[in-house]
Amino acid sequence: MKSQLGQNNTQQRPKKQGKQTIMRFAGLGTTLAVSIGLGSIGGRKLDEYFALEKPLITAAGALLGLAVGMWSVLRNIKSM
């Protein structure tokens, strides 16, 4: 009986670890999406405030959000 219990425990660990890995990567994707979104929204508000015809600050904000998001994702991947 002990050998059967040991086998069941080893079979359950990879499933649990797999779910944690999936949730961690989902969180990283969410972090990236939110940082890009916040950069875009902030840039759009600044474009409206300065009454610019072209969305230059929106583009800059999105790129800044992308850079910050990628930095955060890479930092978290290195800590795995």
C-alpha atoms as a PDB file:
ATOM      1  CA  MET A   1       0.000   0.000   0.000  1.00  0.00           C
ATOM      2  CA  LYS A   2       2.808   2.405   0.742  1.00  0.00           C
ATOM      3  CA  SER A   3       4.211   1.992  -2.745  1.00  0.00           C
ATOM      4  CA  GLN A   4       0.832   2.848  -4.264  1.00  0.00           C
ATOM      5  CA  LEU A   5       0.548   5.990  -2.177  1.00  0.00           C
ATOM      6  CA  GLY A   6       4.030   7.070  -3.169  1.00  0.00           C
ATOM      7  CA  GLN A   7       3.208   6.592  -6.850  1.00  0.00           C
ATOM      8  CA  ASN A   8       0.035   8.644  -6.592  1.00  0.00           C
ATOM      9  CA  ASN A   9       1.873  11.518  -4.924  1.00  0.00           C
ATOM     10  CA  THR A  10       4.539  11.650  -7.630  1.00  0.00           C
ATOM     11  CA  GLN A  11       1.884  11.632 -10.330  1.00  0.00           C
ATOM     12  CA  GLN A  12       0.003  14.559  -8.754  1.00  0.00           C
ATOM     13  CA  ARG A  13       3.030  16.815  -8.323  1.00  0.00           C
ATOM     14  CA  PRO A  14       3.691  17.446 -12.027  1.00  0.00           C
ATOM     15  CA  LYS A  15       0.031  18.391 -12.576  1.00  0.00           C
ATOM     16  CA  LYS A  16       0.129  20.848  -9.699  1.00  0.00           C
ATOM     17  CA  GLN A  17       3.421  22.284 -10.856  1.00  0.00           C
ATOM     18  CA  GLY A  18       2.075  22.563 -14.412  1.00  0.00           C
ATOM     19  CA  LYS A  19      -0.906  24.591 -13.223  1.00  0.00           C
ATOM     20  CA  GLN A  20       1.363  26.913 -11.271  1.00  0.00           C
ATOM     21  CA  THR A  21       3.546  27.427 -14.342  1.00  0.00           C
ATOM     22  CA  ILE A  22       0.520  28.183 -16.525  1.00  0.00           C
ATOM     23  CA  MET A  23      -0.823  30.679 -13.999  1.00  0.00           C
ATOM     24  CA  ARG A  24       2.567  32.341 -13.678  1.00  0.00           C
ATOM     25  CA  PHE A  25       2.863  32.817 -17.454  1.00  0.00           C
ATOM     26  CA  ALA A  26      -0.731  34.048 -17.622  1.00  0.00           C
ATOM     27  CA  GLY A  27       0.167  36.615 -14.979  1.00  0.00           C
ATOM     28  CA  LEU A  28       3.190  37.705 -16.995  1.00  0.00           C
ATOM     29  CA  GLY A  29       1.024  38.150 -20.086  1.00  0.00           C
ATOM     30  CA  THR A  30      -1.447  40.199 -18.089  1.00  0.00           C
ATOM     31  CA  THR A  31       1.367  42.356 -16.726  1.00  0.00           C
ATOM     32  CA  LEU A  32       2.603  43.039 -20.249  1.00  0.00           C
ATOM     33  CA  ALA A  33      -0.880  43.862 -21.566  1.00  0.00           C
ATOM     34  CA  VAL A  34      -1.677  46.189 -18.655  1.00  0.00           C
ATOM     35  CA  SER A  35       1.605  48.086 -18.958  1.00  0.00           C
ATOM     36  CA  ILE A  36       1.072  48.662 -22.695  1.00  0.00           C
ATOM     37  CA  GLY A  37      -2.544  49.669 -22.085  1.00  0.00           C
ATOM     38  CA  LEU A  38      -1.662  52.132 -19.342  1.00  0.00           C
ATOM     39  CA  GLY A  39       1.072  53.664 -21.476  1.00  0.00           C
ATOM     40  CA  SER A  40      -1.345  54.074 -24.377  1.00  0.00           C
ATOM     41  CA  ILE A  41      -4.103  55.572 -22.244  1.00  0.00           C
ATOM     42  CA  GLY A  42      -1.691  57.964 -20.549  1.00  0.00           C
ATOM     43  CA  GLY A  43      -0.290  59.000 -23.926  1.00  0.00           C
ATOM     44  CA  ARG A  44      -3.766  59.573 -25.321  1.00  0.00           C
ATOM     45  CA  LYS A  45      -4.709  61.783 -22.375  1.00  0.00           C
ATOM     46  CA  LEU A  46      -1.535  63.812 -22.881  1.00  0.00           C
ATOM     47  CA  ASP A  47      -2.260  64.115 -26.621  1.00  0.00           C
ATOM     48  CA  GLU A  48      -5.702  65.481 -25.775  1.00  0.00           C
ATOM     49  CA  TYR A  49      -4.286  67.853 -23.168  1.00  0.00           C
ATOM     50  CA  PHE A  50      -1.709  69.318 -25.557  1.00  0.00           C
ATOM     51  CA  ALA A  51      -4.215  69.217 -28.463  1.00  0.00           C
ATOM     52  CA  LEU A  52      -1.835  67.414 -30.796  1.00  0.00           C
ATOM     53  CA  GLU A  53      -3.129  66.459 -34.243  1.00  0.00           C
ATOM     54  CA  LYS A  54      -1.000  63.327 -34.482  1.00  0.00           C
ATOM     55  CA  PRO A  55      -0.953  60.739 -31.678  1.00  0.00           C
ATOM     56  CA  LEU A  56       2.769  61.038 -31.051  1.00  0.00           C
ATOM     57  CA  ILE A  57       2.609  60.824 -27.270  1.00  0.00           C
ATOM     58  CA  THR A  58       0.208  57.873 -27.511  1.00  0.00           C
ATOM     59  CA  ALA A  59       2.760  55.977 -29.605  1.00  0.00           C
ATOM     60  CA  ALA A  60       5.556  56.944 -27.220  1.00  0.00           C
ATOM     61  CA  GLY A  61       3.465  55.875 -24.235  1.00  0.00           C
ATOM     62  CA  ALA A  62       2.709  52.509 -25.823  1.00  0.00           C
ATOM     63  CA  LEU A  63       6.381  51.937 -26.559  1.00  0.00           C
ATOM     64  CA  LEU A  64       7.327  52.960 -23.038  1.00  0.00           C
ATOM     65  CA  GLY A  65       4.680  50.593 -21.673  1.00  0.00           C
ATOM     66  CA  LEU A  66       6.061  47.809 -23.872  1.00  0.00           C
ATOM     67  CA  ALA A  67       9.580  48.439 -22.597  1.00  0.00           C
ATOM     68  CA  VAL A  68       8.486  48.476 -18.952  1.00  0.00           C
ATOM     69  CA  GLY A  69       6.331  45.385 -19.438  1.00  0.00           C
ATOM     70  CA  MET A  70       9.113  43.435 -21.141  1.00  0.00           C
ATOM     71  CA  TRP A  71      11.540  44.446 -18.407  1.00  0.00           C
ATOM     72  CA  SER A  72       9.103  43.153 -15.800  1.00  0.00           C
ATOM     73  CA  VAL A  73       8.483  39.896 -17.678  1.00  0.00           C
ATOM     74  CA  LEU A  74      12.189  39.220 -18.185  1.00  0.00           C
ATOM     75  CA  ARG A  75      12.938  39.994 -14.541  1.00  0.00           C
ATOM     76  CA  ASN A  76      10.263  37.520 -13.432  1.00  0.00           C
ATOM     77  CA  ILE A  77      11.415  34.820 -15.854  1.00  0.00           C
ATOM     78  CA  LYS A  78      14.977  35.082 -14.538  1.00  0.00           C
ATOM     79  CA  SER A  79      13.712  34.534 -10.989  1.00  0.00           C
ATOM     80  CA  MET A  80      11.928  31.281 -11.953  1.00  0.00           C
END
